[in-house]
C-alpha atoms as a PDB file:
ATOM      1  CA  MET A   1    -101.446   9.571 115.382  1.00  0.00           C
ATOM      2  CA  VAL A   2    -104.081  10.063 112.664  1.00  0.00           C
ATOM      3  CA  LYS A   3    -107.248  11.699 113.884  1.00  0.00           C
ATOM      4  CA  GLU A   4    -110.521  10.273 112.658  1.00  0.00           C
ATOM      5  CA  LYS A   5    -112.633  12.657 110.632  1.00  0.00           C
ATOM      6  CA  VAL A   6    -115.857  13.610 112.404  1.00  0.00           C
ATOM      7  CA  TYR A   7    -118.899  15.590 111.337  1.00  0.00           C
ATOM      8  CA  MET A   8    -121.274  17.828 113.248  1.00  0.00           C
ATOM      9  CA  ILE A   9    -125.022  17.278 113.289  1.00  0.00           C
ATOM     10  CA  ALA A  10    -125.753  20.147 110.883  1.00  0.00           C
ATOM     11  CA  TYR A  11    -123.487  18.654 108.213  1.00  0.00           C
ATOM     12  CA  VAL A  12    -124.910  15.136 108.645  1.00  0.00           C
ATOM     13  CA  SER A  13    -128.457  16.491 108.600  1.00  0.00           C
ATOM     14  CA  SER A  14    -127.804  18.379 105.380  1.00  0.00           C
ATOM     15  CA  LYS A  15    -125.865  15.607 103.656  1.00  0.00           C
ATOM     16  CA  TYR A  16    -128.549  12.969 104.261  1.00  0.00           C
ATOM     17  CA  ASP A  17    -131.548  15.308 103.968  1.00  0.00           C
ATOM     18  CA  ILE A  18    -132.716  14.398 107.444  1.00  0.00           C
ATOM     19  CA  HIS A  19    -133.973  16.676 110.224  1.00  0.00           C
ATOM     20  CA  PRO A  20    -131.534  17.075 113.147  1.00  0.00           C
ATOM     21  CA  GLN A  21    -134.365  16.072 115.487  1.00  0.00           C
ATOM     22  CA  THR A  22    -134.545  12.709 113.701  1.00  0.00           C
ATOM     23  CA  LEU A  23    -130.839  12.188 114.359  1.00  0.00           C
ATOM     24  CA  ARG A  24    -131.475  12.993 118.018  1.00  0.00           C
ATOM     25  CA  LEU A  25    -134.342  10.480 118.025  1.00  0.00           C
ATOM     26  CA  TYR A  26    -132.054   7.793 116.573  1.00  0.00           C
ATOM     27  CA  GLU A  27    -129.633   8.572 119.394  1.00  0.00           C
ATOM     28  CA  LYS A  28    -132.393   8.468 122.014  1.00  0.00           C
ATOM     29  CA  GLU A  29    -133.502   5.060 120.674  1.00  0.00           C
ATOM     30  CA  GLY A  30    -129.901   3.800 120.803  1.00  0.00           C
ATOM     31  CA  LEU A  31    -129.642   3.264 117.037  1.00  0.00           C
ATOM     32  CA  LEU A  32    -126.891   5.832 116.548  1.00  0.00           C
ATOM     33  CA  ILE A  33    -124.483   6.901 119.266  1.00  0.00           C
ATOM     34  CA  PRO A  34    -122.206   9.727 118.130  1.00  0.00           C
ATOM     35  CA  SER A  35    -119.247  10.766 120.211  1.00  0.00           C
ATOM     36  CA  ARG A  36    -119.250  14.143 121.941  1.00  0.00           C
ATOM     37  CA  SER A  37    -116.844  17.060 121.911  1.00  0.00           C
ATOM     38  CA  LYS A  38    -115.698  18.749 125.114  1.00  0.00           C
ATOM     39  CA  GLY A  39    -118.525  21.237 124.527  1.00  0.00           C
ATOM     40  CA  ASN A  40    -121.011  18.315 124.290  1.00  0.00           C
ATOM     41  CA  THR A  41    -121.509  18.710 120.532  1.00  0.00           C
ATOM     42  CA  ARG A  42    -122.478  15.525 118.696  1.00  0.00           C
ATOM     43  CA  LEU A  43    -119.686  14.270 116.459  1.00  0.00           C
ATOM     44  CA  TYR A  44    -120.458  11.629 113.828  1.00  0.00           C
ATOM     45  CA  SER A  45    -117.644   9.390 112.588  1.00  0.00           C
ATOM     46  CA  GLU A  46    -117.419   7.621 109.224  1.00  0.00           C
ATOM     47  CA  LYS A  47    -118.627   4.477 111.000  1.00  0.00           C
ATOM     48  CA  ASP A  48    -121.641   6.389 112.324  1.00  0.00           C
ATOM     49  CA  LEU A  49    -122.404   7.620 108.799  1.00  0.00           C
ATOM     50  CA  LYS A  50    -122.284   4.067 107.406  1.00  0.00           C
ATOM     51  CA  LYS A  51    -124.697   2.965 110.116  1.00  0.00           C
ATOM     52  CA  LEU A  52    -126.934   5.961 109.369  1.00  0.00           C
ATOM     53  CA  GLU A  53    -126.987   4.995 105.685  1.00  0.00           C
ATOM     54  CA  PHE A  54    -128.055   1.482 106.702  1.00  0.00           C
ATOM     55  CA  ILE A  55    -130.790   2.908 108.955  1.00  0.00           C
ATOM     56  CA  LEU A  56    -132.037   5.285 106.278  1.00  0.00           C
ATOM     57  CA  ASN A  57    -132.102   2.542 103.660  1.00  0.00           C
ATOM     58  CA  LEU A  58    -134.250   0.365 105.906  1.00  0.00           C
ATOM     59  CA  SER A  59    -136.595   3.163 106.898  1.00  0.00           C
ATOM     60  CA  ARG A  60    -136.895   5.062 103.604  1.00  0.00           C
ATOM     61  CA  GLU A  61    -136.644   2.273 101.053  1.00  0.00           C
ATOM     62  CA  MET A  62    -138.180  -0.619 102.966  1.00  0.00           C
ATOM     63  CA  GLY A  63    -140.515   1.103 105.415  1.00  0.00           C
ATOM     64  CA  VAL A  64    -139.038  -0.599 108.489  1.00  0.00           C
ATOM     65  CA  ASN A  65    -139.877   1.008 111.844  1.00  0.00           C
ATOM     66  CA  LEU A  66    -137.269   1.848 114.499  1.00  0.00           C
ATOM     67  CA  ALA A  67    -137.809  -1.354 116.498  1.00  0.00           C
ATOM     68  CA  GLY A  68    -137.375  -3.396 113.316  1.00  0.00           C
ATOM     69  CA  ILE A  69    -134.247  -1.476 112.375  1.00  0.00           C
ATOM     70  CA  ASP A  70    -132.746  -2.235 115.793  1.00  0.00           C
ATOM     71  CA  ILE A  71    -133.502  -5.949 115.440  1.00  0.00           C
ATOM     72  CA  ILE A  72    -132.195  -6.124 111.860  1.00  0.00           C
ATOM     73  CA  TYR A  73    -129.010  -4.234 112.698  1.00  0.00           C
ATOM     74  CA  ASN A  74    -128.262  -6.447 115.708  1.00  0.00           C
ATOM     75  CA  MET A  75    -128.855  -9.568 113.604  1.00  0.00           C
ATOM     76  CA  LYS A  76    -126.545  -8.139 110.931  1.00  0.00           C
ATOM     77  CA  LEU A  77    -123.807  -7.690 113.539  1.00  0.00           C
ATOM     78  CA  LYS A  78    -124.305 -11.233 114.837  1.00  0.00           C
ATOM     79  CA  ILE A  79    -124.151 -12.669 111.311  1.00  0.00           C
ATOM     80  CA  GLU A  80    -120.954 -10.730 110.565  1.00  0.00           C
ATOM     81  CA  LYS A  81    -119.397 -12.001 113.804  1.00  0.00           C
ATOM     82  CA  MET A  82    -120.426 -15.584 113.004  1.00  0.00           C
ATOM     83  CA  GLU A  83    -118.996 -15.282 109.478  1.00  0.00           C
ATOM     84  CA  GLU A  84    -115.723 -13.997 110.925  1.00  0.00           C
ATOM     85  CA  GLU A  85    -115.566 -16.832 113.476  1.00  0.00           C
ATOM     86  CA  PHE A  86    -116.427 -19.414 110.824  1.00  0.00           C
ATOM     87  CA  SER A  87    -113.727 -18.021 108.559  1.00  0.00           C
ATOM     88  CA  LYS A  88    -111.155 -18.294 111.363  1.00  0.00           C
ATOM     89  CA  PHE A  89    -112.339 -21.840 112.093  1.00  0.00           C
ATOM     90  CA  LEU A  90    -111.908 -22.830 108.430  1.00  0.00           C
ATOM     91  CA  GLU A  91    -108.407 -21.363 108.363  1.00  0.00           C
ATOM     92  CA  GLU A  92    -107.444 -23.323 111.473  1.00  0.00           C
ATOM     93  CA  LEU A  93    -109.001 -26.467 110.025  1.00  0.00           C
ATOM     94  CA  LYS A  94    -107.057 -26.023 106.783  1.00  0.00           C
ATOM     95  CA  LYS A  95    -103.827 -25.549 108.732  1.00  0.00           C
ATOM     96  CA  GLU A  96    -104.492 -28.630 110.854  1.00  0.00           C
ATOM     97  CA  PHE A  97    -105.590 -30.814 107.954  1.00  0.00           C
ATOM     98  CA  PHE A  98    -103.188 -29.755 105.200  1.00  0.00           C
ATOM     99  CA  THR A  99     -99.992 -28.587 106.901  1.00  0.00           C
ATOM    100  CA  GLY A 100     -97.213 -31.092 106.295  1.00  0.00           C
ATOM    101  CA  LYS A 101     -99.379 -33.157 103.967  1.00  0.00           C
ATOM    102  CA  GLU A 102     -98.950 -31.153 100.783  1.00  0.00           C
ATOM    103  CA  ASN A 103     -96.991 -33.921  99.014  1.00  0.00           C
ATOM    104  CA  LEU A 104     -99.594 -36.523  99.916  1.00  0.00           C
ATOM    105  CA  PHE A 105    -102.399 -34.430  98.446  1.00  0.00           C
ATOM    106  CA  GLU A 106    -100.370 -33.703  95.329  1.00  0.00           C
ATOM    107  CA  GLN A 107     -99.809 -37.453  94.838  1.00  0.00           C
ATOM    108  CA  LYS A 108    -103.509 -38.187  95.348  1.00  0.00           C
ATOM    109  CA  LYS A 109    -104.442 -35.475  92.869  1.00  0.00           C
ATOM    110  CA  LYS A 110    -102.167 -37.011  90.221  1.00  0.00           C
ATOM    111  CA  SER A 111    -103.424 -40.539  90.892  1.00  0.00           C
ATOM    112  CA  LEU A 112    -107.001 -39.712  90.074  1.00  0.00           C
ATOM    113  CA  VAL A 113    -108.219 -40.904  86.699  1.00  0.00           C
ATOM    114  CA  LYS A 114    -110.126 -38.354  84.697  1.00  0.00           C
ATOM    115  CA  MET A 115    -113.357 -39.633  83.243  1.00  0.00           C
ATOM    116  CA  VAL A 116    -115.382 -38.010  80.550  1.00  0.00           C
ATOM    117  CA  SER A 117    -119.082 -38.631  80.886  1.00  0.00           C
ATOM    118  CA  PRO A 118    -120.502 -40.421  77.833  1.00  0.00           C
ATOM    119  CA  ARG A 119    -122.759 -38.616  75.421  1.00  0.00           C
ATOM    120  CA  ILE A 120    -126.193 -40.000  74.950  1.00  0.00           C
ATOM    121  CA  THR A 121    -127.483 -39.866  71.418  1.00  0.00           C
ATOM    122  CA  LEU A 122    -131.129 -40.353  70.687  1.00  0.00           C
ATOM    123  CA  PHE A 123    -131.967 -42.203  67.465  1.00  0.00           C
ATOM    124  CA  LYS A 124    -135.372 -41.978  65.908  1.00  0.00           C
ATOM    125  CA  ASP A 125    -136.887 -45.152  64.668  1.00  0.00           C
ATOM    126  CA  ASP A 126    -138.057 -44.422  61.111  1.00  0.00           C
ATOM    127  CA  SER A 127    -140.399 -47.431  61.172  1.00  0.00           C
ATOM    128  CA  GLU A 128    -142.726 -45.639  63.609  1.00  0.00           C
ATOM    129  CA  LYS A 129    -144.049 -43.359  60.836  1.00  0.00           C
END
């Protein structure tokens, strides 16, 4: 079993140039929920660090407050879930629609007539001078 790499609050604070109290605030607000060691030390996973980077980008670069960050992050999760579900739906639709009909589609593809769109040439009437 491979153990996930985790980081203590001091390391995370130093790496992201953020005060440990701010990390505690993010936890209090429910934005970031690190796991805990047996000694109750906060342990941040790679997933937590990715989320922290997202939070810091919104707050530092875009000036979004904590309530806005929470809303944006939850919408991001919902969009990702919808994209995943839509992708699965498309795969199922492709299976249902195309499976066993490959030859038919190949025949239809070959039966299409290619058409080149005509070029339009503009002639100037010299008599208009």
